[in-house]
Amino acid sequence: MATVTSTFQKRPAYKYIRESDKLPRPEEDMEPIARIKLFDPTGSWTWYISSYEPETGIAFGLVDGFEKECGDIYMPELLTYRGRFGLPIERDLYWKPRPLKECFNA
């Protein structure tokens, strides 16, 4: 498996996972907290991220799309996604972290 050196985009508005977020690695995340919320501005999909493995580019969290499910999220794939009108996925800058189970039940 190839090592992903960075999942950060060049423009700051689209840095989905920032170093300042200090996300734990999946094996360190015993009580998952949704620290980051990403959403498709032209669709109905939402991603709640609780942990991240920078070497592989894989995050863990909840995906609310066709149905809600927890699992791995491949960040390089989200970086390249463009919805209608060519808009990328956005980060909710006003999101307040909360337990992942609260997002699942919402």
N, C-alpha and C. Protein backbone atom coordinates (compact mmCIF):
# COMPACT_ATOMS: atom_id res chain seq x y z
N MET A 1 0.84 -1.17 0.00
CA MET A 1 0.00 0.00 0.00
C MET A 1 0.89 1.24 0.00
N ALA A 2 0.58 2.19 -0.85
CA ALA A 2 1.37 3.41 -0.95
C ALA A 2 1.11 4.31 0.25
N THR A 3 2.14 5.01 0.66
CA THR A 3 2.02 5.94 1.77
C THR A 3 1.51 7.27 1.24
N VAL A 4 0.53 7.81 1.89
CA VAL A 4 -0.01 9.11 1.52
C VAL A 4 0.73 10.15 2.33
N THR A 5 1.40 11.06 1.65
CA THR A 5 2.20 12.05 2.36
C THR A 5 1.36 13.20 2.90
N SER A 6 0.28 13.55 2.20
CA SER A 6 -0.54 14.65 2.67
C SER A 6 -1.95 14.54 2.11
N THR A 7 -2.92 14.84 2.94
CA THR A 7 -4.30 14.90 2.45
C THR A 7 -4.80 16.33 2.53
N PHE A 8 -3.88 17.27 2.63
CA PHE A 8 -4.25 18.67 2.72
C PHE A 8 -4.28 19.30 1.34
N GLN A 9 -5.29 20.07 1.08
CA GLN A 9 -5.33 20.82 -0.17
C GLN A 9 -4.52 22.09 0.00
N LYS A 10 -4.19 22.73 -1.09
CA LYS A 10 -3.34 23.91 -1.05
C LYS A 10 -4.07 25.14 -0.50
N ARG A 11 -5.37 25.24 -0.77
CA ARG A 11 -6.10 26.42 -0.31
C ARG A 11 -6.64 26.19 1.10
N PRO A 12 -6.38 27.09 2.04
CA PRO A 12 -6.77 26.88 3.44
C PRO A 12 -8.25 26.59 3.67
N ALA A 13 -9.15 27.13 2.85
CA ALA A 13 -10.59 26.90 3.06
C ALA A 13 -10.94 25.43 2.91
N TYR A 14 -10.09 24.68 2.23
CA TYR A 14 -10.39 23.28 1.98
C TYR A 14 -9.43 22.34 2.66
N LYS A 15 -8.82 22.77 3.75
CA LYS A 15 -8.01 21.87 4.57
C LYS A 15 -8.97 21.18 5.52
N TYR A 16 -9.35 19.97 5.15
CA TYR A 16 -10.37 19.27 5.92
C TYR A 16 -9.86 18.83 7.28
N ILE A 17 -8.64 18.32 7.33
CA ILE A 17 -8.04 17.91 8.59
C ILE A 17 -6.79 18.75 8.78
N ARG A 18 -6.80 19.52 9.83
CA ARG A 18 -5.68 20.41 10.11
C ARG A 18 -4.83 19.84 11.24
N GLU A 19 -3.57 20.18 11.25
CA GLU A 19 -2.69 19.71 12.33
C GLU A 19 -3.21 20.17 13.68
N SER A 20 -3.81 21.36 13.73
CA SER A 20 -4.32 21.90 14.99
C SER A 20 -5.51 21.11 15.53
N ASP A 21 -6.14 20.25 14.71
CA ASP A 21 -7.25 19.42 15.17
C ASP A 21 -6.78 18.35 16.15
N LYS A 22 -5.52 17.96 16.02
CA LYS A 22 -4.92 16.94 16.89
C LYS A 22 -5.82 15.71 17.03
N LEU A 23 -6.22 15.17 15.88
CA LEU A 23 -7.05 13.97 15.90
C LEU A 23 -6.25 12.77 16.40
N PRO A 24 -6.86 11.96 17.24
CA PRO A 24 -6.15 10.75 17.68
C PRO A 24 -6.08 9.72 16.55
N ARG A 25 -5.17 8.79 16.68
CA ARG A 25 -5.13 7.66 15.75
C ARG A 25 -6.26 6.72 16.14
N PRO A 26 -6.76 5.94 15.18
CA PRO A 26 -7.92 5.06 15.48
C PRO A 26 -7.73 4.16 16.69
N GLU A 27 -6.53 3.62 16.88
CA GLU A 27 -6.31 2.72 18.01
C GLU A 27 -6.30 3.45 19.36
N GLU A 28 -6.18 4.79 19.33
CA GLU A 28 -6.17 5.58 20.56
C GLU A 28 -7.56 6.13 20.90
N ASP A 29 -8.51 5.94 20.02
CA ASP A 29 -9.82 6.58 20.14
C ASP A 29 -10.84 5.62 20.77
N MET A 30 -10.82 5.52 22.10
CA MET A 30 -11.71 4.59 22.80
C MET A 30 -13.15 5.10 22.89
N GLU A 31 -13.31 6.38 23.11
CA GLU A 31 -14.63 7.01 23.16
C GLU A 31 -14.70 8.00 21.99
N PRO A 32 -15.12 7.54 20.80
CA PRO A 32 -15.07 8.40 19.61
C PRO A 32 -15.84 9.71 19.77
N ILE A 33 -15.15 10.79 19.47
CA ILE A 33 -15.74 12.13 19.48
C ILE A 33 -15.71 12.64 18.05
N ALA A 34 -16.84 13.10 17.55
CA ALA A 34 -16.90 13.69 16.20
C ALA A 34 -16.28 15.08 16.30
N ARG A 35 -15.02 15.18 15.92
CA ARG A 35 -14.28 16.43 16.04
C ARG A 35 -14.40 17.31 14.80
N ILE A 36 -14.67 16.70 13.65
CA ILE A 36 -14.76 17.42 12.38
C ILE A 36 -16.03 17.00 11.67
N LYS A 37 -16.72 17.98 11.09
CA LYS A 37 -17.90 17.69 10.28
C LYS A 37 -17.64 18.21 8.87
N LEU A 38 -17.76 17.32 7.89
CA LEU A 38 -17.65 17.69 6.48
C LEU A 38 -19.00 17.44 5.83
N PHE A 39 -19.31 18.22 4.79
CA PHE A 39 -20.59 18.03 4.11
C PHE A 39 -20.49 18.40 2.64
N ASP A 40 -21.39 17.81 1.86
CA ASP A 40 -21.49 18.11 0.44
C ASP A 40 -22.49 19.26 0.30
N PRO A 41 -22.04 20.45 -0.11
CA PRO A 41 -22.95 21.60 -0.18
C PRO A 41 -24.04 21.48 -1.24
N THR A 42 -23.89 20.53 -2.17
CA THR A 42 -24.90 20.36 -3.22
C THR A 42 -25.63 19.03 -3.09
N GLY A 43 -25.44 18.36 -1.97
CA GLY A 43 -26.08 17.06 -1.76
C GLY A 43 -26.47 16.88 -0.33
N SER A 44 -26.71 15.64 0.06
CA SER A 44 -27.19 15.38 1.42
C SER A 44 -26.19 14.58 2.26
N TRP A 45 -24.98 14.34 1.76
CA TRP A 45 -24.01 13.52 2.48
C TRP A 45 -23.25 14.36 3.51
N THR A 46 -22.99 13.73 4.67
CA THR A 46 -22.23 14.36 5.76
C THR A 46 -21.27 13.33 6.34
N TRP A 47 -20.07 13.79 6.70
CA TRP A 47 -19.04 12.94 7.30
C TRP A 47 -18.66 13.54 8.64
N TYR A 48 -18.68 12.72 9.69
CA TYR A 48 -18.27 13.13 11.03
C TYR A 48 -16.99 12.35 11.34
N ILE A 49 -15.89 13.05 11.51
CA ILE A 49 -14.59 12.39 11.66
C ILE A 49 -14.14 12.44 13.11
N SER A 50 -13.73 11.26 13.63
CA SER A 50 -13.30 11.18 15.03
C SER A 50 -11.82 10.86 15.17
N SER A 51 -11.21 10.18 14.19
CA SER A 51 -9.79 9.85 14.28
C SER A 51 -9.19 9.80 12.88
N TYR A 52 -7.87 9.81 12.81
CA TYR A 52 -7.20 9.91 11.51
C TYR A 52 -5.82 9.27 11.58
N GLU A 53 -5.49 8.55 10.52
CA GLU A 53 -4.17 7.92 10.37
C GLU A 53 -3.47 8.62 9.20
N PRO A 54 -2.59 9.59 9.48
CA PRO A 54 -1.99 10.39 8.40
C PRO A 54 -1.14 9.60 7.41
N GLU A 55 -0.53 8.51 7.85
CA GLU A 55 0.32 7.74 6.94
C GLU A 55 -0.47 7.06 5.82
N THR A 56 -1.71 6.71 6.09
CA THR A 56 -2.53 6.02 5.10
C THR A 56 -3.60 6.92 4.49
N GLY A 57 -3.88 8.06 5.13
CA GLY A 57 -4.93 8.94 4.65
C GLY A 57 -6.32 8.44 5.01
N ILE A 58 -6.40 7.52 5.98
CA ILE A 58 -7.69 6.95 6.36
C ILE A 58 -8.15 7.55 7.68
N ALA A 59 -9.37 8.08 7.66
CA ALA A 59 -10.02 8.60 8.86
C ALA A 59 -11.08 7.59 9.29
N PHE A 60 -11.54 7.72 10.53
CA PHE A 60 -12.64 6.90 11.01
C PHE A 60 -13.74 7.84 11.47
N GLY A 61 -14.96 7.46 11.19
CA GLY A 61 -16.08 8.27 11.63
C GLY A 61 -17.40 7.74 11.14
N LEU A 62 -18.37 8.62 11.14
CA LEU A 62 -19.73 8.30 10.73
C LEU A 62 -20.00 8.95 9.38
N VAL A 63 -20.55 8.17 8.47
CA VAL A 63 -20.98 8.70 7.17
C VAL A 63 -22.50 8.67 7.15
N ASP A 64 -23.10 9.83 6.91
CA ASP A 64 -24.55 9.93 6.79
C ASP A 64 -24.85 10.22 5.33
N GLY A 65 -25.16 9.14 4.59
CA GLY A 65 -25.44 9.26 3.16
C GLY A 65 -26.75 8.59 2.85
N PHE A 66 -26.68 7.49 2.10
CA PHE A 66 -27.90 6.72 1.83
C PHE A 66 -28.43 6.14 3.14
N GLU A 67 -27.52 5.82 4.04
CA GLU A 67 -27.85 5.38 5.41
C GLU A 67 -26.69 5.80 6.29
N LYS A 68 -26.87 5.70 7.59
CA LYS A 68 -25.80 6.06 8.53
C LYS A 68 -24.98 4.83 8.87
N GLU A 69 -23.66 4.96 8.75
CA GLU A 69 -22.79 3.85 9.15
C GLU A 69 -21.42 4.38 9.56
N CYS A 70 -20.84 3.71 10.54
CA CYS A 70 -19.50 4.04 11.01
C CYS A 70 -18.49 3.19 10.26
N GLY A 71 -17.33 3.78 10.01
CA GLY A 71 -16.29 3.03 9.32
C GLY A 71 -15.18 3.93 8.86
N ASP A 72 -14.33 3.37 8.00
CA ASP A 72 -13.18 4.09 7.48
C ASP A 72 -13.61 5.04 6.36
N ILE A 73 -12.91 6.19 6.30
CA ILE A 73 -13.16 7.20 5.29
C ILE A 73 -11.82 7.49 4.63
N TYR A 74 -11.72 7.25 3.34
CA TYR A 74 -10.47 7.46 2.61
C TYR A 74 -10.41 8.93 2.18
N MET A 75 -9.63 9.73 2.91
CA MET A 75 -9.60 11.18 2.71
C MET A 75 -9.14 11.61 1.31
N PRO A 76 -8.14 10.96 0.69
CA PRO A 76 -7.77 11.39 -0.67
C PRO A 76 -8.94 11.33 -1.66
N GLU A 77 -9.86 10.41 -1.44
CA GLU A 77 -11.04 10.33 -2.31
C GLU A 77 -11.95 11.53 -2.10
N LEU A 78 -12.13 11.94 -0.84
CA LEU A 78 -12.97 13.11 -0.57
C LEU A 78 -12.35 14.38 -1.13
N LEU A 79 -11.02 14.47 -1.12
CA LEU A 79 -10.34 15.65 -1.63
C LEU A 79 -10.60 15.86 -3.12
N THR A 80 -10.76 14.80 -3.86
CA THR A 80 -10.94 14.92 -5.30
C THR A 80 -12.40 15.04 -5.72
N TYR A 81 -13.32 14.79 -4.79
CA TYR A 81 -14.75 14.82 -5.13
C TYR A 81 -15.20 16.24 -5.49
N ARG A 82 -16.00 16.33 -6.53
CA ARG A 82 -16.65 17.59 -6.90
C ARG A 82 -18.11 17.29 -7.16
N GLY A 83 -18.97 18.03 -6.48
CA GLY A 83 -20.41 17.85 -6.65
C GLY A 83 -20.93 18.69 -7.79
N ARG A 84 -22.21 18.96 -7.74
CA ARG A 84 -22.80 19.81 -8.77
C ARG A 84 -22.09 21.16 -8.78
N PHE A 85 -22.02 21.75 -9.92
CA PHE A 85 -21.37 23.05 -10.14
C PHE A 85 -19.88 23.00 -9.84
N GLY A 86 -19.32 21.80 -9.69
CA GLY A 86 -17.89 21.65 -9.43
C GLY A 86 -17.48 21.98 -8.01
N LEU A 87 -18.44 22.05 -7.08
CA LEU A 87 -18.12 22.43 -5.71
C LEU A 87 -17.54 21.26 -4.92
N PRO A 88 -16.48 21.52 -4.14
CA PRO A 88 -15.90 20.47 -3.31
C PRO A 88 -16.67 20.30 -2.01
N ILE A 89 -16.34 19.26 -1.30
CA ILE A 89 -16.88 19.05 0.04
C ILE A 89 -16.37 20.18 0.93
N GLU A 90 -17.19 20.61 1.87
CA GLU A 90 -16.82 21.72 2.75
C GLU A 90 -16.71 21.25 4.19
N ARG A 91 -15.96 21.99 4.96
CA ARG A 91 -15.84 21.74 6.39
C ARG A 91 -16.75 22.70 7.12
N ASP A 92 -17.51 22.21 8.08
CA ASP A 92 -18.37 23.05 8.91
C ASP A 92 -17.47 23.75 9.93
N LEU A 93 -17.24 25.02 9.72
CA LEU A 93 -16.32 25.78 10.59
C LEU A 93 -16.93 26.08 11.95
N TYR A 94 -18.24 25.90 12.10
CA TYR A 94 -18.91 26.21 13.37
C TYR A 94 -19.28 24.94 14.15
N TRP A 95 -18.79 23.80 13.71
CA TRP A 95 -19.08 22.53 14.36
C TRP A 95 -18.45 22.47 15.74
N LYS A 96 -19.21 22.03 16.71
CA LYS A 96 -18.73 21.81 18.07
C LYS A 96 -18.60 20.31 18.30
N PRO A 97 -17.42 19.81 18.67
CA PRO A 97 -17.25 18.37 18.87
C PRO A 97 -18.27 17.79 19.85
N ARG A 98 -18.69 16.56 19.55
CA ARG A 98 -19.64 15.86 20.41
C ARG A 98 -19.43 14.36 20.21
N PRO A 99 -19.90 13.55 21.14
CA PRO A 99 -19.73 12.09 20.96
C PRO A 99 -20.32 11.62 19.64
N LEU A 100 -19.62 10.72 19.00
CA LEU A 100 -20.04 10.21 17.69
C LEU A 100 -21.41 9.57 17.77
N LYS A 101 -21.73 8.93 18.90
CA LYS A 101 -23.04 8.28 19.03
C LYS A 101 -24.19 9.30 18.99
N GLU A 102 -23.93 10.55 19.41
CA GLU A 102 -24.96 11.58 19.31
C GLU A 102 -25.27 11.91 17.86
N CYS A 103 -24.24 11.90 17.01
CA CYS A 103 -24.44 12.17 15.58
C CYS A 103 -25.21 11.03 14.94
N PHE A 104 -24.93 9.81 15.39
CA PHE A 104 -25.61 8.64 14.84
C PHE A 104 -27.09 8.65 15.17
N ASN A 105 -27.42 9.13 16.35
CA ASN A 105 -28.82 9.15 16.79
C ASN A 105 -29.59 10.37 16.34
N ALA A 106 -28.91 11.37 15.77
CA ALA A 106 -29.58 12.62 15.36
C ALA A 106 -30.37 12.44 14.09
